[in-house]
Amino acid sequence: MVNITVGIEKCINSLGEKFLKWPHNFFTESDAHSFLYYYIFRSGPKELKLFYPTQNNGEKTVLIHREYPTNFRYHKKDMCLDETTGGRGHYDLVILDPDFIANHNINEVIAQDYKNTCQKDTKNHLIAAIEFKLITKPLSNTLKDEIRKDFEKLSWAVKEKAQARNAYLIIFNRARKEEAFGQEMKKIANDNLDVKCIYIESIRGKNKSHKVLYLNSWENKLRYETHNSSRNT
């Protein structure tokens, strides 16, 4: 599992290198999803590229999926867990655990039906849950709040609900330098130590600058260094 985790983080770093060099390859967050999917299948561990059988005869699936649902309900406005009146969320990208696939039927693996097929008591059936944020204009309070909520949701996934072994938040900024926000993120990350965050600024033009900021415990990091870059764990 450690080797797979390192492999995932190497692929995230390949994505980060692409953003550092070519930030305008990314028009939307979906572009980042697509590039990471590509890097995993191009250079990720072989275990992530295989088809895995479910309990259904002949039904197989891959490990990587977009918009995978949470196995818990919550209120998004105030970030309060509530299995009675809350709604489900989704992760931008997940990597399923092969053992989870092998021990469940295809509908349970897909987990769209919360009442009948979602495995709410199955622990760590995701190797990783990943969220993305792309900042393309001066950072608003609304987007800051979304980032804070992503930290909380991913922390629940690892800690309170034990849905995922690893949780990653990937934040790319190609708009402008955000020095104060870096300090804010450090405080949020300290409150959500189970979430591994990478924040990369790649600013072009007159105020050109680059920054790489790691938050919480990563197995693998970029070797990228400039006098403007910042690395923190």
C-alpha atoms as a PDB file:
ATOM      1  CA  MET A   1       0.000   0.000   0.000  1.00  0.00           C
ATOM      2  CA  VAL A   2       2.912   2.380   0.712  1.00  0.00           C
ATOM      3  CA  ASN A   3       4.226   1.869  -2.828  1.00  0.00           C
ATOM      4  CA  ILE A   4       0.804   2.661  -4.286  1.00  0.00           C
ATOM      5  CA  THR A   5       0.568   5.790  -2.129  1.00  0.00           C
ATOM      6  CA  VAL A   6       3.998   6.936  -3.302  1.00  0.00           C
ATOM      7  CA  GLY A   7       2.946   6.226  -6.886  1.00  0.00           C
ATOM      8  CA  ILE A   8      -0.206   8.315  -6.503  1.00  0.00           C
ATOM      9  CA  GLU A   9       1.783  11.197  -5.054  1.00  0.00           C
ATOM     10  CA  LYS A  10       4.329  10.992  -7.884  1.00  0.00           C
ATOM     11  CA  CYS A  11       1.478  11.337 -10.348  1.00  0.00           C
ATOM     12  CA  ILE A  12       0.106  14.325  -8.440  1.00  0.00           C
ATOM     13  CA  ASN A  13       3.575  15.837  -8.601  1.00  0.00           C
ATOM     14  CA  SER A  14       3.696  15.262 -12.375  1.00  0.00           C
ATOM     15  CA  LEU A  15       0.433  17.172 -12.575  1.00  0.00           C
ATOM     16  CA  GLY A  16       1.978  19.925 -10.446  1.00  0.00           C
ATOM     17  CA  GLU A  17       5.003  20.171 -12.737  1.00  0.00           C
ATOM     18  CA  LYS A  18       2.683  20.537 -15.732  1.00  0.00           C
ATOM     19  CA  PHE A  19       0.811  23.365 -14.001  1.00  0.00           C
ATOM     20  CA  LEU A  20       4.042  25.128 -13.031  1.00  0.00           C
ATOM     21  CA  LYS A  21       5.241  25.105 -16.633  1.00  0.00           C
ATOM     22  CA  TRP A  22       1.957  25.546 -18.487  1.00  0.00           C
ATOM     23  CA  PRO A  23      -0.744  27.004 -16.189  1.00  0.00           C
ATOM     24  CA  HIS A  24      -2.993  27.909 -19.102  1.00  0.00           C
ATOM     25  CA  ASN A  25      -3.283  24.273 -20.138  1.00  0.00           C
ATOM     26  CA  PHE A  26      -5.888  24.279 -17.361  1.00  0.00           C
ATOM     27  CA  PHE A  27      -9.058  26.166 -18.260  1.00  0.00           C
ATOM     28  CA  THR A  28     -11.174  24.337 -15.672  1.00  0.00           C
ATOM     29  CA  GLU A  29     -10.784  21.944 -12.759  1.00  0.00           C
ATOM     30  CA  SER A  30     -11.923  19.171 -15.092  1.00  0.00           C
ATOM     31  CA  ASP A  31      -8.736  19.700 -17.096  1.00  0.00           C
ATOM     32  CA  ALA A  32      -6.743  18.917 -13.941  1.00  0.00           C
ATOM     33  CA  HIS A  33      -8.827  15.765 -13.363  1.00  0.00           C
ATOM     34  CA  SER A  34      -8.085  14.635 -16.910  1.00  0.00           C
ATOM     35  CA  PHE A  35      -4.336  15.249 -16.657  1.00  0.00           C
ATOM     36  CA  LEU A  36      -4.094  13.331 -13.376  1.00  0.00           C
ATOM     37  CA  TYR A  37      -6.060  10.425 -14.871  1.00  0.00           C
ATOM     38  CA  TYR A  38      -3.603  10.458 -17.764  1.00  0.00           C
ATOM     39  CA  TYR A  39      -0.530  10.499 -15.519  1.00  0.00           C
ATOM     40  CA  ILE A  40      -1.836   7.612 -13.429  1.00  0.00           C
ATOM     41  CA  PHE A  41      -2.383   5.444 -16.505  1.00  0.00           C
ATOM     42  CA  ARG A  42       0.887   6.528 -18.113  1.00  0.00           C
ATOM     43  CA  SER A  43       3.293   6.232 -15.203  1.00  0.00           C
ATOM     44  CA  GLY A  44       1.405   5.135 -12.081  1.00  0.00           C
ATOM     45  CA  PRO A  45       1.834   1.755 -10.351  1.00  0.00           C
ATOM     46  CA  LYS A  46       0.624  -1.150 -12.468  1.00  0.00           C
ATOM     47  CA  GLU A  47      -1.923  -2.070  -9.787  1.00  0.00           C
ATOM     48  CA  LEU A  48      -3.831   1.128 -10.622  1.00  0.00           C
ATOM     49  CA  LYS A  49      -4.174   0.245 -14.310  1.00  0.00           C
ATOM     50  CA  LEU A  50      -5.813  -3.175 -14.097  1.00  0.00           C
ATOM     51  CA  PHE A  51      -9.425  -4.382 -14.287  1.00  0.00           C
ATOM     52  CA  TYR A  52     -10.706  -5.947 -11.078  1.00  0.00           C
ATOM     53  CA  PRO A  53     -13.569  -8.463 -10.806  1.00  0.00           C
ATOM     54  CA  THR A  54     -16.520  -7.890  -8.494  1.00  0.00           C
ATOM     55  CA  GLN A  55     -18.684 -10.606  -6.935  1.00  0.00           C
ATOM     56  CA  ASN A  56     -20.838 -10.516 -10.076  1.00  0.00           C
ATOM     57  CA  ASN A  57     -19.833 -13.092 -12.670  1.00  0.00           C
ATOM     58  CA  GLY A  58     -17.991 -11.304 -15.444  1.00  0.00           C
ATOM     59  CA  GLU A  59     -18.428  -7.790 -14.002  1.00  0.00           C
ATOM     60  CA  LYS A  60     -15.158  -5.905 -13.681  1.00  0.00           C
ATOM     61  CA  THR A  61     -14.175  -2.291 -13.143  1.00  0.00           C
ATOM     62  CA  VAL A  62     -11.120  -0.066 -12.939  1.00  0.00           C
ATOM     63  CA  LEU A  63      -9.985   1.588  -9.709  1.00  0.00           C
ATOM     64  CA  ILE A  64     -10.137   5.229 -10.806  1.00  0.00           C
ATOM     65  CA  HIS A  65     -13.478   7.023 -10.959  1.00  0.00           C
ATOM     66  CA  ARG A  66     -14.728  10.603 -11.023  1.00  0.00           C
ATOM     67  CA  GLU A  67     -17.549  12.068  -8.932  1.00  0.00           C
ATOM     68  CA  TYR A  68     -17.686   9.142  -6.538  1.00  0.00           C
ATOM     69  CA  PRO A  69     -20.217   9.572  -3.701  1.00  0.00           C
ATOM     70  CA  THR A  70     -19.480   9.881  -0.013  1.00  0.00           C
ATOM     71  CA  ASN A  71     -20.693   7.077   2.267  1.00  0.00           C
ATOM     72  CA  PHE A  72     -22.086   9.676   4.654  1.00  0.00           C
ATOM     73  CA  ARG A  73     -24.637  12.482   4.626  1.00  0.00           C
ATOM     74  CA  TYR A  74     -24.079  16.047   5.752  1.00  0.00           C
ATOM     75  CA  HIS A  75     -25.311  19.618   5.405  1.00  0.00           C
ATOM     76  CA  LYS A  76     -22.991  21.476   3.052  1.00  0.00           C
ATOM     77  CA  LYS A  77     -23.961  24.944   4.273  1.00  0.00           C
ATOM     78  CA  ASP A  78     -22.756  24.507   7.853  1.00  0.00           C
ATOM     79  CA  MET A  79     -20.675  21.336   7.336  1.00  0.00           C
ATOM     80  CA  CYS A  80     -22.610  19.292   9.871  1.00  0.00           C
ATOM     81  CA  LEU A  81     -22.791  15.504   9.648  1.00  0.00           C
ATOM     82  CA  ASP A  82     -26.427  14.394   9.603  1.00  0.00           C
ATOM     83  CA  GLU A  83     -27.478  10.905   8.447  1.00  0.00           C
ATOM     84  CA  THR A  84     -31.177  11.794   8.715  1.00  0.00           C
ATOM     85  CA  THR A  85     -31.681  15.034   6.775  1.00  0.00           C
ATOM     86  CA  GLY A  86     -28.271  15.639   5.200  1.00  0.00           C
ATOM     87  CA  GLY A  87     -27.305  15.043   1.572  1.00  0.00           C
ATOM     88  CA  ARG A  88     -24.438  13.110   0.066  1.00  0.00           C
ATOM     89  CA  GLY A  89     -21.356  14.730  -1.394  1.00  0.00           C
ATOM     90  CA  HIS A  90     -18.987  13.570  -4.110  1.00  0.00           C
ATOM     91  CA  TYR A  91     -15.221  13.413  -4.472  1.00  0.00           C
ATOM     92  CA  ASP A  92     -13.708  14.787  -7.657  1.00  0.00           C
ATOM     93  CA  LEU A  93     -11.604  11.655  -8.135  1.00  0.00           C
ATOM     94  CA  VAL A  94     -11.186   8.427  -6.187  1.00  0.00           C
ATOM     95  CA  ILE A  95      -9.062   5.310  -6.327  1.00  0.00           C
ATOM     96  CA  LEU A  96     -10.983   2.265  -5.127  1.00  0.00           C
ATOM     97  CA  ASP A  97      -9.466  -0.515  -3.061  1.00  0.00           C
ATOM     98  CA  PRO A  98      -9.249  -3.817  -5.033  1.00  0.00           C
ATOM     99  CA  ASP A  99     -10.331  -5.834  -1.965  1.00  0.00           C
ATOM    100  CA  PHE A 100     -13.494  -3.741  -1.696  1.00  0.00           C
ATOM    101  CA  ILE A 101     -14.291  -4.465  -5.340  1.00  0.00           C
ATOM    102  CA  ALA A 102     -13.625  -8.197  -4.921  1.00  0.00           C
ATOM    103  CA  ASN A 103     -15.925  -8.516  -1.904  1.00  0.00           C
ATOM    104  CA  HIS A 104     -18.952  -6.608  -3.243  1.00  0.00           C
ATOM    105  CA  ASN A 105     -21.279  -6.712  -6.212  1.00  0.00           C
ATOM    106  CA  ILE A 106     -21.112  -4.062  -8.899  1.00  0.00           C
ATOM    107  CA  ASN A 107     -24.052  -2.030  -7.558  1.00  0.00           C
ATOM    108  CA  GLU A 108     -22.455  -1.904  -4.112  1.00  0.00           C
ATOM    109  CA  VAL A 109     -19.200  -0.746  -5.671  1.00  0.00           C
ATOM    110  CA  ILE A 110     -20.976   2.001  -7.628  1.00  0.00           C
ATOM    111  CA  ALA A 111     -22.809   2.961  -4.390  1.00  0.00           C
ATOM    112  CA  GLN A 112     -25.366   5.280  -5.949  1.00  0.00           C
ATOM    113  CA  ASP A 113     -28.290   3.955  -3.919  1.00  0.00           C
ATOM    114  CA  TYR A 114     -27.597   5.192  -0.387  1.00  0.00           C
ATOM    115  CA  LYS A 115     -30.304   3.117   1.272  1.00  0.00           C
ATOM    116  CA  ASN A 116     -29.772  -0.233  -0.443  1.00  0.00           C
ATOM    117  CA  THR A 117     -26.230  -0.504  -1.838  1.00  0.00           C
ATOM    118  CA  CYS A 118     -23.988   2.090  -0.195  1.00  0.00           C
ATOM    119  CA  GLN A 119     -21.561   0.307   2.128  1.00  0.00           C
ATOM    120  CA  LYS A 120     -21.731   2.772   5.014  1.00  0.00           C
ATOM    121  CA  ASP A 121     -19.962   0.419   7.435  1.00  0.00           C
ATOM    122  CA  THR A 122     -17.208  -0.772   5.089  1.00  0.00           C
ATOM    123  CA  LYS A 123     -13.921   0.763   6.202  1.00  0.00           C
ATOM    124  CA  ASN A 124     -11.247   2.182   3.909  1.00  0.00           C
ATOM    125  CA  HIS A 125     -12.774   1.089   0.634  1.00  0.00           C
ATOM    126  CA  LEU A 126     -10.999   3.981  -1.081  1.00  0.00           C
ATOM    127  CA  ILE A 127      -7.221   4.010  -1.417  1.00  0.00           C
ATOM    128  CA  ALA A 128      -7.501   7.741  -2.023  1.00  0.00           C
ATOM    129  CA  ALA A 129     -10.091  10.515  -2.250  1.00  0.00           C
ATOM    130  CA  ILE A 130      -8.988  13.602  -4.191  1.00  0.00           C
ATOM    131  CA  GLU A 131     -10.417  17.113  -4.498  1.00  0.00           C
ATOM    132  CA  PHE A 132      -9.263  19.875  -6.859  1.00  0.00           C
ATOM    133  CA  LYS A 133      -9.509  23.652  -6.855  1.00  0.00           C
ATOM    134  CA  LEU A 134      -8.369  25.942  -9.691  1.00  0.00           C
ATOM    135  CA  ILE A 135      -8.050  29.653  -8.915  1.00  0.00           C
ATOM    136  CA  THR A 136      -8.377  31.738 -12.093  1.00  0.00           C
ATOM    137  CA  LYS A 137      -9.245  35.141 -10.604  1.00  0.00           C
ATOM    138  CA  PRO A 138      -8.530  37.009  -7.366  1.00  0.00           C
ATOM    139  CA  LEU A 139      -9.482  34.745  -4.504  1.00  0.00           C
ATOM    140  CA  SER A 140     -12.990  35.379  -3.164  1.00  0.00           C
ATOM    141  CA  ASN A 141     -14.341  34.613   0.283  1.00  0.00           C
ATOM    142  CA  THR A 142     -16.734  32.169  -1.364  1.00  0.00           C
ATOM    143  CA  LEU A 143     -13.890  30.142  -2.857  1.00  0.00           C
ATOM    144  CA  LYS A 144     -11.949  30.285   0.406  1.00  0.00           C
ATOM    145  CA  ASP A 145     -15.007  28.823   2.128  1.00  0.00           C
ATOM    146  CA  GLU A 146     -15.242  26.068  -0.495  1.00  0.00           C
ATOM    147  CA  ILE A 147     -11.599  25.153   0.126  1.00  0.00           C
ATOM    148  CA  ARG A 148     -12.164  25.041   3.885  1.00  0.00           C
ATOM    149  CA  LYS A 149     -15.172  22.760   3.333  1.00  0.00           C
ATOM    150  CA  ASP A 150     -13.112  20.482   1.083  1.00  0.00           C
ATOM    151  CA  PHE A 151     -10.599  20.111   3.900  1.00  0.00           C
ATOM    152  CA  GLU A 152     -13.387  19.159   6.313  1.00  0.00           C
ATOM    153  CA  LYS A 153     -15.089  16.705   3.948  1.00  0.00           C
ATOM    154  CA  LEU A 154     -11.798  14.958   3.189  1.00  0.00           C
ATOM    155  CA  SER A 155     -10.951  14.836   6.889  1.00  0.00           C
ATOM    156  CA  TRP A 156     -14.270  13.112   7.574  1.00  0.00           C
ATOM    157  CA  ALA A 157     -13.504  10.647   4.779  1.00  0.00           C
ATOM    158  CA  VAL A 158     -10.280   9.564   6.502  1.00  0.00           C
ATOM    159  CA  LYS A 159     -11.051  10.020  10.164  1.00  0.00           C
ATOM    160  CA  GLU A 160     -14.671  10.049  11.320  1.00  0.00           C
ATOM    161  CA  LYS A 161     -16.117   7.899   8.524  1.00  0.00           C
ATOM    162  CA  ALA A 162     -12.996   5.890   7.559  1.00  0.00           C
ATOM    163  CA  GLN A 163     -14.039   5.766   3.901  1.00  0.00           C
ATOM    164  CA  ALA A 164     -10.553   6.534   2.534  1.00  0.00           C
ATOM    165  CA  ARG A 165      -7.008   5.668   3.579  1.00  0.00           C
ATOM    166  CA  ASN A 166      -5.619   8.841   2.007  1.00  0.00           C
ATOM    167  CA  ALA A 167      -7.109  12.218   1.174  1.00  0.00           C
ATOM    168  CA  TYR A 168      -5.602  14.851  -1.117  1.00  0.00           C
ATOM    169  CA  LEU A 169      -6.542  18.444  -1.853  1.00  0.00           C
ATOM    170  CA  ILE A 170      -4.878  19.883  -4.960  1.00  0.00           C
ATOM    171  CA  ILE A 171      -5.083  23.676  -5.296  1.00  0.00           C
ATOM    172  CA  PHE A 172      -3.738  25.473  -8.374  1.00  0.00           C
ATOM    173  CA  ASN A 173      -3.588  29.254  -8.655  1.00  0.00           C
ATOM    174  CA  ARG A 174      -2.794  31.066 -11.926  1.00  0.00           C
ATOM    175  CA  ALA A 175      -4.446  34.389 -11.052  1.00  0.00           C
ATOM    176  CA  ARG A 176      -2.188  36.308  -8.655  1.00  0.00           C
ATOM    177  CA  LYS A 177       0.029  35.858  -5.601  1.00  0.00           C
ATOM    178  CA  GLU A 178      -1.961  35.096  -2.435  1.00  0.00           C
ATOM    179  CA  GLU A 179       0.497  35.429   0.456  1.00  0.00           C
ATOM    180  CA  ALA A 180      -2.132  35.821   3.174  1.00  0.00           C
ATOM    181  CA  PHE A 181      -4.068  32.814   1.922  1.00  0.00           C
ATOM    182  CA  GLY A 182      -1.013  30.605   2.333  1.00  0.00           C
ATOM    183  CA  GLN A 183      -0.997  31.400   6.041  1.00  0.00           C
ATOM    184  CA  GLU A 184      -4.732  30.739   6.286  1.00  0.00           C
ATOM    185  CA  MET A 185      -4.305  27.331   4.664  1.00  0.00           C
ATOM    186  CA  LYS A 186      -1.606  26.365   7.154  1.00  0.00           C
ATOM    187  CA  LYS A 187      -4.063  26.980   9.984  1.00  0.00           C
ATOM    188  CA  ILE A 188      -6.822  25.002   8.262  1.00  0.00           C
ATOM    189  CA  ALA A 189      -4.412  22.142   7.505  1.00  0.00           C
ATOM    190  CA  ASN A 190      -3.356  22.004  11.151  1.00  0.00           C
ATOM    191  CA  ASP A 191      -7.020  21.416  12.033  1.00  0.00           C
ATOM    192  CA  ASN A 192      -7.274  18.666   9.392  1.00  0.00           C
ATOM    193  CA  LEU A 193      -4.024  16.748   9.693  1.00  0.00           C
ATOM    194  CA  ASP A 194      -5.338  13.732   7.775  1.00  0.00           C
ATOM    195  CA  VAL A 195      -5.668  15.776   4.574  1.00  0.00           C
ATOM    196  CA  LYS A 196      -2.587  16.141   2.380  1.00  0.00           C
ATOM    197  CA  CYS A 197      -2.699  19.422   0.499  1.00  0.00           C
ATOM    198  CA  ILE A 198      -0.516  20.791  -2.282  1.00  0.00           C
ATOM    199  CA  TYR A 199      -0.876  24.454  -3.241  1.00  0.00           C
ATOM    200  CA  ILE A 200       0.876  25.702  -6.380  1.00  0.00           C
ATOM    201  CA  GLU A 201       1.005  29.247  -7.724  1.00  0.00           C
ATOM    202  CA  SER A 202       2.113  29.685 -11.316  1.00  0.00           C
ATOM    203  CA  ILE A 203       1.705  33.339 -12.172  1.00  0.00           C
ATOM    204  CA  ARG A 204       2.707  34.701 -15.575  1.00  0.00           C
ATOM    205  CA  GLY A 205       3.125  38.239 -16.837  1.00  0.00           C
ATOM    206  CA  LYS A 206       4.567  41.291 -15.093  1.00  0.00           C
ATOM    207  CA  ASN A 207       4.240  39.823 -11.586  1.00  0.00           C
ATOM    208  CA  LYS A 208       5.583  36.400 -12.542  1.00  0.00           C
ATOM    209  CA  SER A 209       6.112  34.066  -9.600  1.00  0.00           C
ATOM    210  CA  HIS A 210       6.025  30.398  -8.631  1.00  0.00           C
ATOM    211  CA  LYS A 211       5.284  28.752  -5.305  1.00  0.00           C
ATOM    212  CA  VAL A 212       5.002  25.139  -4.190  1.00  0.00           C
ATOM    213  CA  LEU A 213       3.508  24.576  -0.747  1.00  0.00           C
ATOM    214  CA  TYR A 214       2.988  21.136   0.821  1.00  0.00           C
ATOM    215  CA  LEU A 215       0.738  20.808   3.848  1.00  0.00           C
ATOM    216  CA  ASN A 216       0.679  17.780   6.152  1.00  0.00           C
ATOM    217  CA  SER A 217       2.520  14.512   5.643  1.00  0.00           C
ATOM    218  CA  TRP A 218       3.489  13.561   2.067  1.00  0.00           C
ATOM    219  CA  GLU A 219       5.483  10.481   1.067  1.00  0.00           C
ATOM    220  CA  ASN A 220       6.770  12.102  -2.129  1.00  0.00           C
ATOM    221  CA  LYS A 221       7.400  15.717  -3.147  1.00  0.00           C
ATOM    222  CA  LEU A 222       8.470  17.732  -6.158  1.00  0.00           C
ATOM    223  CA  ARG A 223      12.139  18.549  -6.531  1.00  0.00           C
ATOM    224  CA  TYR A 224      11.210  21.928  -7.969  1.00  0.00           C
ATOM    225  CA  GLU A 225      13.057  24.812  -6.319  1.00  0.00           C
ATOM    226  CA  THR A 226      13.205  28.561  -6.969  1.00  0.00           C
ATOM    227  CA  HIS A 227      13.875  31.481  -4.678  1.00  0.00           C
ATOM    228  CA  ASN A 228      10.103  32.071  -4.695  1.00  0.00           C
ATOM    229  CA  SER A 229       9.070  28.543  -3.848  1.00  0.00           C
ATOM    230  CA  SER A 230       7.914  27.514  -0.391  1.00  0.00           C
ATOM    231  CA  ARG A 231       7.822  24.006   1.021  1.00  0.00           C
ATOM    232  CA  ASN A 232       6.129  23.145   4.276  1.00  0.00           C
ATOM    233  CA  THR A 233       4.980  19.973   5.929  1.00  0.00           C
END
